[in-house]
Amino acid sequence: MGIFYFIFCAVAFLMQLTIGAWLLRCYPGIGAKGPLLVCFLCTAVMLAGFTFTRTHQTGLFWSALYYFSYIYFGLVFLAFCFCVAFAVLSKILTWCHVPTGWMGLATLLTLAVVFVCAFVGGFTAPKLKHIAVKIPGAPHMKLALLADTHLGMGVSLSRFDKVLQKIEAEKPDALLVLGDIFEYGPNRDMYAARLAQLKTPLGAYGVLGNHEYYVGYGDSKEFFEKSSVKLLENATATMPNGVQIAGLKDIKTAGVRAQDVANVLAPLDKNKPTILLSHTPLYAEEAAANGANLMLSGHTHNGQLWPFTYLVKMQFPRIYGMYDVDGMPFYITSGVFYWGIPLRFLAPAEIVILEVNA
């Protein structure tokens, strides 16, 4: 993990050099030594934050270090993307003999707007999103989705409580948990206890995400148990109303294959409706071919920070919203909060309420 963070910070430092080069071109009077020293210091603090907040989890200092480290990286990423865009635009305009003296100010104004939007997107409460979906043979029911909360150091218990209050106010019939629920930090059992208080008539069912494996498989299973969420690991369950729920292990980290999807769905009654839960949005075609009537996923965060969205699309052909896969509705949520970086830009968080056969 230490090597990963070192590489992470090395990339961030190179991005800062690119940002500095563009701003220095626009404002040569600022000099290079001072900004370079600041970049070194901030990168060192960022590396410390990534590394030590995972083991030193209590206290105002460690919380402040966490937020500084991840916010700084997020802002560096956004600044890098827009500075590169302005640099390319400047080159094009120069070829066209168009004056570019205004681009330094335009860069700063754009970054100010982007940064404000990213903070607003990250720190405002996720909005409720109601989606109507048809499942042949299923009774009318209301399903609440909980995905990608990444609770712990980066998301306070009070913020999580407000989300659950919104869900409770909707009076859902069942809760479906799509993984990456608890990340790391203090008071894990308090988060689990609060989730366990959310009672639904048809129960709560869930699957693990990739981060549950990263932070500790055994601890993650225990969290689900204490949360009163029935964990489905390449397994199935039937809700009291007869609707079948199938859940996959995380496809990437647990090495789930297409044949595993078929094996999980094979024993189910094809005359009864089936909902498939998978943290990672893959194998939708296999799910549809083997009898799933609805598939639900998370994981992608819809990119979280545009234009990172395009890199996510290179790995996953479907990253957000409702899709029709061979007649099977497939919804991928952008998640309730965020991973690591407490910012969102052009990829808002959401609490999804599915209205089935309304």
Protein backbone atom coordinates (compact mmCIF):
# COMPACT_ATOMS: atom_id res chain seq x y z
CA MET A 1 0.00 0.00 0.00
CA GLY A 2 2.89 2.35 0.76
CA ILE A 3 4.27 1.96 -2.78
CA PHE A 4 0.82 2.74 -4.20
CA TYR A 5 0.62 5.97 -2.23
CA PHE A 6 4.15 6.94 -3.21
CA ILE A 7 3.28 6.49 -6.89
CA PHE A 8 0.03 8.38 -6.31
CA CYS A 9 1.93 11.34 -4.86
CA ALA A 10 4.65 11.18 -7.53
CA VAL A 11 1.96 11.52 -10.19
CA ALA A 12 0.45 14.42 -8.24
CA PHE A 13 3.82 16.13 -8.12
CA LEU A 14 4.25 15.80 -11.89
CA MET A 15 0.77 17.26 -12.36
CA GLN A 16 1.76 20.19 -10.16
CA LEU A 17 4.85 20.78 -12.29
CA THR A 18 2.61 20.92 -15.37
CA ILE A 19 0.25 23.37 -13.66
CA GLY A 20 3.21 25.49 -12.58
CA ALA A 21 4.71 25.52 -16.06
CA TRP A 22 1.48 26.83 -17.56
CA LEU A 23 0.92 29.48 -14.88
CA LEU A 24 4.58 30.53 -15.08
CA ARG A 25 4.15 31.00 -18.81
CA CYS A 26 1.11 33.18 -18.15
CA TYR A 27 2.68 35.04 -15.22
CA PRO A 28 6.49 34.84 -15.52
CA GLY A 29 6.91 37.34 -12.72
CA ILE A 30 5.87 34.88 -10.01
CA GLY A 31 9.13 32.91 -10.31
CA ALA A 32 9.63 29.19 -9.92
CA LYS A 33 11.48 28.61 -6.64
CA GLY A 34 8.71 29.55 -4.22
CA PRO A 35 5.91 27.59 -5.94
CA LEU A 36 8.23 24.59 -6.37
CA LEU A 37 8.99 24.53 -2.64
CA VAL A 38 5.28 24.73 -1.86
CA CYS A 39 4.66 21.78 -4.21
CA PHE A 40 7.33 19.72 -2.46
CA LEU A 41 5.92 20.48 0.99
CA CYS A 42 2.29 19.89 0.04
CA THR A 43 3.16 16.61 -1.68
CA ALA A 44 5.07 15.44 1.40
CA VAL A 45 2.12 16.30 3.65
CA MET A 46 -0.23 14.57 1.20
CA LEU A 47 1.87 11.39 1.29
CA ALA A 48 1.84 11.48 5.10
CA GLY A 49 -1.92 11.93 5.07
CA PHE A 50 -2.53 9.02 2.71
CA THR A 51 -0.26 6.77 4.76
CA PHE A 52 -0.80 7.61 8.42
CA THR A 53 -4.50 8.44 8.60
CA ARG A 54 -5.25 4.78 7.92
CA THR A 55 -3.60 3.82 11.22
CA HIS A 56 -3.98 7.02 13.32
CA GLN A 57 -7.73 7.49 13.06
CA THR A 58 -8.88 9.60 16.00
CA GLY A 59 -8.47 13.24 16.79
CA LEU A 60 -8.84 16.58 15.05
CA PHE A 61 -5.27 16.58 13.72
CA TRP A 62 -5.63 13.30 11.82
CA SER A 63 -9.02 14.32 10.48
CA ALA A 64 -7.60 17.64 9.24
CA LEU A 65 -4.64 15.81 7.67
CA TYR A 66 -7.01 13.42 5.91
CA TYR A 67 -9.10 16.21 4.43
CA PHE A 68 -6.11 18.30 3.39
CA SER A 69 -4.41 15.36 1.66
CA TYR A 70 -7.37 14.16 -0.35
CA ILE A 71 -8.79 17.59 -1.15
CA TYR A 72 -5.38 18.79 -2.28
CA PHE A 73 -4.99 15.82 -4.62
CA GLY A 74 -8.47 16.38 -6.04
CA LEU A 75 -7.81 20.05 -6.70
CA VAL A 76 -4.45 19.25 -8.28
CA PHE A 77 -6.13 16.79 -10.64
CA LEU A 78 -8.78 19.30 -11.67
CA ALA A 79 -6.23 22.09 -12.08
CA PHE A 80 -4.00 19.83 -14.17
CA CYS A 81 -6.84 18.94 -16.54
CA PHE A 82 -7.93 22.51 -17.10
CA CYS A 83 -4.40 23.93 -17.36
CA VAL A 84 -3.56 21.35 -20.02
CA ALA A 85 -6.78 22.27 -21.84
CA PHE A 86 -5.86 25.96 -21.77
CA ALA A 87 -2.31 25.20 -22.90
CA VAL A 88 -3.62 23.25 -25.90
CA LEU A 89 -6.12 26.00 -26.68
CA SER A 90 -3.33 28.57 -26.45
CA LYS A 91 -1.25 26.65 -28.96
CA ILE A 92 -4.17 26.42 -31.39
CA LEU A 93 -4.94 30.13 -31.07
CA THR A 94 -1.29 31.00 -31.59
CA TRP A 95 -1.25 29.02 -34.83
CA CYS A 96 -4.32 31.01 -35.87
CA HIS A 97 -2.59 34.29 -34.95
CA VAL A 98 -5.14 35.06 -32.20
CA PRO A 99 -3.87 36.97 -29.14
CA THR A 100 -3.61 34.82 -25.99
CA GLY A 101 -2.65 37.35 -23.34
CA TRP A 102 -6.03 36.91 -21.63
CA MET A 103 -5.59 33.17 -21.00
CA GLY A 104 -3.85 33.46 -17.64
CA LEU A 105 -6.79 35.31 -16.12
CA ALA A 106 -9.23 32.96 -17.86
CA THR A 107 -7.40 29.99 -16.34
CA LEU A 108 -7.58 31.40 -12.81
CA LEU A 109 -11.27 32.32 -13.13
CA THR A 110 -12.12 28.90 -14.54
CA LEU A 111 -10.25 27.10 -11.76
CA ALA A 112 -12.02 29.21 -9.14
CA VAL A 113 -15.43 28.24 -10.54
CA VAL A 114 -14.45 24.57 -10.92
CA PHE A 115 -13.07 24.39 -7.36
CA VAL A 116 -16.22 25.94 -5.88
CA CYS A 117 -18.42 23.53 -7.84
CA ALA A 118 -16.29 20.57 -6.70
CA PHE A 119 -16.60 21.58 -3.04
CA VAL A 120 -20.35 22.09 -3.36
CA GLY A 121 -20.71 18.73 -5.09
CA GLY A 122 -18.71 16.96 -2.41
CA PHE A 123 -20.05 18.52 0.75
CA THR A 124 -23.74 19.01 -0.03
CA ALA A 125 -26.14 16.21 0.86
CA PRO A 126 -26.88 13.70 -1.92
CA LYS A 127 -30.26 14.23 -3.55
CA LEU A 128 -33.03 11.68 -3.70
CA LYS A 129 -33.61 10.22 -7.14
CA HIS A 130 -36.81 8.30 -7.88
CA ILE A 131 -36.70 5.84 -10.76
CA ALA A 132 -39.59 3.80 -12.13
CA VAL A 133 -38.75 0.32 -13.33
CA LYS A 134 -40.79 -2.59 -14.66
CA ILE A 135 -40.10 -6.13 -13.48
CA PRO A 136 -42.41 -8.76 -15.03
CA GLY A 137 -44.30 -10.71 -12.39
CA ALA A 138 -43.10 -8.61 -9.45
CA PRO A 139 -45.49 -6.90 -7.06
CA HIS A 140 -45.38 -3.16 -6.57
CA MET A 141 -42.58 -2.29 -4.16
CA LYS A 142 -40.19 0.49 -3.29
CA LEU A 143 -36.48 -0.35 -3.11
CA ALA A 144 -33.82 1.90 -1.58
CA LEU A 145 -30.25 1.60 -2.87
CA LEU A 146 -27.22 2.24 -0.66
CA ALA A 147 -23.93 2.23 -2.53
CA ASP A 148 -20.42 3.65 -2.27
CA THR A 149 -20.81 5.50 1.01
CA HIS A 150 -17.15 4.89 1.99
CA LEU A 151 -17.97 5.63 5.62
CA GLY A 152 -15.37 6.33 8.27
CA MET A 153 -12.62 8.92 8.26
CA GLY A 154 -14.01 10.83 5.28
CA VAL A 155 -17.74 10.67 6.07
CA SER A 156 -19.01 11.50 9.54
CA LEU A 157 -21.66 9.52 11.35
CA SER A 158 -23.94 12.57 11.36
CA ARG A 159 -23.78 12.82 7.55
CA PHE A 160 -24.57 9.13 7.25
CA ASP A 161 -27.45 9.53 9.69
CA LYS A 162 -28.98 12.29 7.55
CA VAL A 163 -28.86 10.01 4.51
CA LEU A 164 -30.57 7.21 6.38
CA GLN A 165 -33.22 9.63 7.63
CA LYS A 166 -33.99 10.53 4.02
CA ILE A 167 -34.30 6.86 3.15
CA GLU A 168 -36.48 6.14 6.17
CA ALA A 169 -38.81 9.01 5.21
CA GLU A 170 -39.42 7.24 1.88
CA LYS A 171 -40.65 4.12 3.74
CA PRO A 172 -38.98 1.62 1.34
CA ASP A 173 -40.05 -2.01 1.31
CA ALA A 174 -36.46 -3.26 1.11
CA LEU A 175 -32.91 -1.97 1.31
CA LEU A 176 -30.36 -3.11 -1.27
CA VAL A 177 -26.70 -2.49 -0.38
CA LEU A 178 -24.28 -2.42 -3.30
CA GLY A 179 -20.88 -2.43 -1.58
CA ASP A 180 -18.05 -0.07 -0.60
CA ILE A 181 -19.99 0.87 2.52
CA PHE A 182 -17.34 1.29 5.24
CA GLU A 183 -13.83 2.44 4.39
CA TYR A 184 -11.70 2.98 7.50
CA GLY A 185 -11.69 5.12 10.62
CA PRO A 186 -13.08 5.20 14.15
CA ASN A 187 -16.56 4.24 15.36
CA ARG A 188 -17.14 1.46 12.85
CA ASP A 189 -19.64 -0.25 15.13
CA MET A 190 -21.60 2.98 15.54
CA TYR A 191 -22.07 3.22 11.76
CA ALA A 192 -23.19 -0.42 11.67
CA ALA A 193 -25.61 0.11 14.55
CA ARG A 194 -27.19 3.10 12.83
CA LEU A 195 -27.63 1.15 9.60
CA ALA A 196 -29.21 -1.71 11.57
CA GLN A 197 -31.86 0.73 12.83
CA LEU A 198 -33.17 1.14 9.27
CA LYS A 199 -35.98 -1.41 9.22
CA THR A 200 -37.76 -2.46 6.04
CA PRO A 201 -40.65 -4.94 5.72
CA LEU A 202 -38.92 -7.10 3.11
CA GLY A 203 -35.45 -6.96 4.68
CA ALA A 204 -31.99 -5.70 3.72
CA TYR A 205 -29.72 -7.50 1.26
CA GLY A 206 -26.25 -6.62 0.08
CA VAL A 207 -22.98 -7.47 -1.61
CA LEU A 208 -19.35 -6.58 -0.96
CA GLY A 209 -17.47 -4.03 -3.01
CA ASN A 210 -13.79 -3.99 -3.82
CA HIS A 211 -12.97 -1.78 -0.83
CA GLU A 212 -14.44 -4.30 1.59
CA TYR A 213 -11.67 -6.64 0.46
CA TYR A 214 -9.03 -3.91 0.69
CA VAL A 215 -9.84 -2.89 4.27
CA GLY A 216 -10.22 -6.46 5.55
CA TYR A 217 -12.55 -9.21 4.38
CA GLY A 218 -13.34 -10.51 7.87
CA ASP A 219 -13.99 -7.05 9.30
CA SER A 220 -16.22 -6.20 6.35
CA LYS A 221 -18.34 -9.32 6.80
CA GLU A 222 -18.67 -8.48 10.48
CA PHE A 223 -19.81 -4.96 9.56
CA PHE A 224 -22.58 -6.40 7.38
CA GLU A 225 -23.65 -8.73 10.19
CA LYS A 226 -23.83 -5.91 12.72
CA SER A 227 -25.73 -3.81 10.17
CA SER A 228 -28.39 -6.55 9.85
CA VAL A 229 -27.80 -6.72 6.10
CA LYS A 230 -27.98 -10.20 4.61
CA LEU A 231 -24.74 -10.62 2.71
CA LEU A 232 -24.97 -12.48 -0.61
CA GLU A 233 -21.64 -13.82 -1.89
CA ASN A 234 -22.42 -15.65 -5.12
CA ALA A 235 -25.61 -16.61 -3.32
CA THR A 236 -29.35 -16.00 -3.44
CA ALA A 237 -32.25 -15.22 -1.14
CA THR A 238 -35.99 -14.84 -1.54
CA MET A 239 -37.84 -11.87 -0.13
CA PRO A 240 -41.13 -12.46 1.72
CA ASN A 241 -43.04 -11.27 -1.35
CA GLY A 242 -41.45 -13.97 -3.54
CA VAL A 243 -38.97 -11.77 -5.41
CA GLN A 244 -35.59 -13.49 -5.70
CA ILE A 245 -32.37 -11.62 -4.88
CA ALA A 246 -29.00 -12.81 -6.20
CA GLY A 247 -25.71 -11.28 -5.16
CA LEU A 248 -22.22 -11.58 -6.66
CA LYS A 249 -18.88 -11.28 -4.95
CA ASP A 250 -16.94 -8.31 -6.23
CA ILE A 251 -16.11 -9.22 -9.80
CA LYS A 252 -12.61 -7.72 -9.93
CA THR A 253 -11.18 -8.48 -6.50
CA ALA A 254 -12.81 -11.88 -6.03
CA GLY A 255 -12.15 -13.04 -9.58
CA VAL A 256 -15.77 -13.69 -10.53
CA ARG A 257 -16.15 -15.14 -14.03
CA ALA A 258 -19.03 -15.09 -16.49
CA GLN A 259 -19.71 -18.74 -15.70
CA ASP A 260 -20.08 -17.87 -12.01
CA VAL A 261 -22.94 -15.53 -12.91
CA ALA A 262 -24.68 -18.36 -14.72
CA ASN A 263 -24.05 -20.73 -11.80
CA VAL A 264 -25.51 -18.30 -9.26
CA LEU A 265 -28.66 -17.68 -11.30
CA ALA A 266 -29.20 -21.27 -12.50
CA PRO A 267 -30.97 -22.67 -9.38
CA LEU A 268 -33.51 -19.83 -9.24
CA ASP A 269 -37.14 -20.25 -10.27
CA LYS A 270 -37.45 -18.75 -13.76
CA ASN A 271 -41.15 -18.12 -13.13
CA LYS A 272 -40.36 -15.71 -10.33
CA PRO A 273 -38.76 -12.27 -10.74
CA THR A 274 -35.04 -11.99 -9.99
CA ILE A 275 -32.91 -8.98 -9.03
CA LEU A 276 -29.13 -9.29 -9.35
CA LEU A 277 -26.80 -7.21 -7.18
CA SER A 278 -23.22 -6.68 -8.31
CA HIS A 279 -20.95 -3.94 -7.02
CA THR A 280 -18.93 -3.84 -10.25
CA PRO A 281 -21.02 -3.13 -13.39
CA LEU A 282 -19.92 -6.05 -15.54
CA TYR A 283 -21.50 -9.25 -16.93
CA ALA A 284 -24.85 -7.60 -17.63
CA GLU A 285 -25.32 -9.62 -20.82
CA GLU A 286 -24.67 -12.85 -18.90
CA ALA A 287 -27.14 -11.77 -16.23
CA ALA A 288 -29.86 -11.07 -18.77
CA ALA A 289 -29.21 -14.34 -20.60
CA ASN A 290 -29.53 -16.34 -17.39
CA GLY A 291 -32.82 -14.97 -16.17
CA ALA A 292 -32.15 -11.77 -14.20
CA ASN A 293 -35.00 -9.28 -14.57
CA LEU A 294 -33.14 -6.33 -13.05
CA MET A 295 -29.46 -5.71 -12.34
CA LEU A 296 -28.09 -3.08 -9.95
CA SER A 297 -24.50 -1.88 -9.58
CA GLY A 298 -22.35 0.95 -8.25
CA HIS A 299 -18.55 1.28 -8.08
CA THR A 300 -17.94 3.86 -10.83
CA HIS A 301 -19.10 7.01 -8.95
CA ASN A 302 -19.85 8.26 -12.48
CA GLY A 303 -16.20 9.30 -12.51
CA GLN A 304 -16.64 11.53 -9.41
CA LEU A 305 -14.39 14.26 -10.86
CA TRP A 306 -14.97 15.10 -14.51
CA PRO A 307 -13.06 14.54 -16.80
CA PHE A 308 -11.90 11.42 -14.93
CA THR A 309 -15.23 10.06 -16.20
CA TYR A 310 -13.63 9.32 -19.56
CA LEU A 311 -10.91 7.19 -17.97
CA VAL A 312 -13.58 5.21 -16.12
CA LYS A 313 -15.42 4.67 -19.41
CA MET A 314 -12.29 3.07 -20.82
CA GLN A 315 -12.65 0.31 -18.21
CA PHE A 316 -16.43 0.03 -17.99
CA PRO A 317 -18.65 0.43 -21.06
CA ARG A 318 -21.54 1.43 -18.80
CA ILE A 319 -20.80 3.75 -15.91
CA TYR A 320 -23.97 5.55 -14.85
CA GLY A 321 -27.73 5.56 -15.28
CA MET A 322 -30.33 3.18 -16.63
CA TYR A 323 -29.48 0.82 -19.47
CA ASP A 324 -31.49 -1.76 -21.36
CA VAL A 325 -29.46 -4.94 -21.76
CA ASP A 326 -31.31 -7.43 -23.92
CA GLY A 327 -34.58 -6.41 -22.29
CA MET A 328 -33.19 -6.37 -18.74
CA PRO A 329 -33.13 -2.98 -16.96
CA PHE A 330 -29.65 -2.31 -15.56
CA TYR A 331 -29.13 0.66 -13.25
CA ILE A 332 -25.70 1.91 -12.16
CA THR A 333 -25.77 4.46 -9.36
CA SER A 334 -23.20 7.22 -8.89
CA GLY A 335 -23.15 6.44 -5.16
CA VAL A 336 -24.10 8.24 -1.98
CA PHE A 337 -20.79 9.95 -1.12
CA TYR A 338 -17.28 9.62 -2.56
CA TRP A 339 -14.07 7.64 -2.37
CA GLY A 340 -11.16 9.39 -0.68
CA ILE A 341 -11.40 12.80 -2.33
CA PRO A 342 -14.38 14.56 -0.70
CA LEU A 343 -15.17 16.44 -3.90
CA ARG A 344 -17.47 15.86 -6.86
CA PHE A 345 -17.48 17.72 -10.15
CA LEU A 346 -20.18 17.17 -12.79
CA ALA A 347 -20.94 13.79 -11.21
CA PRO A 348 -23.45 14.39 -8.40
CA ALA A 349 -24.04 11.88 -5.63
CA GLU A 350 -27.48 10.34 -5.22
CA ILE A 351 -29.80 8.28 -3.05
CA VAL A 352 -31.78 6.07 -5.39
CA ILE A 353 -35.36 4.94 -4.71
CA LEU A 354 -36.60 2.40 -7.24
CA GLU A 355 -40.36 2.28 -7.75
CA VAL A 356 -41.05 -1.22 -9.08
CA ASN A 357 -44.21 -1.63 -11.17
CA ALA A 358 -45.67 1.58 -9.75
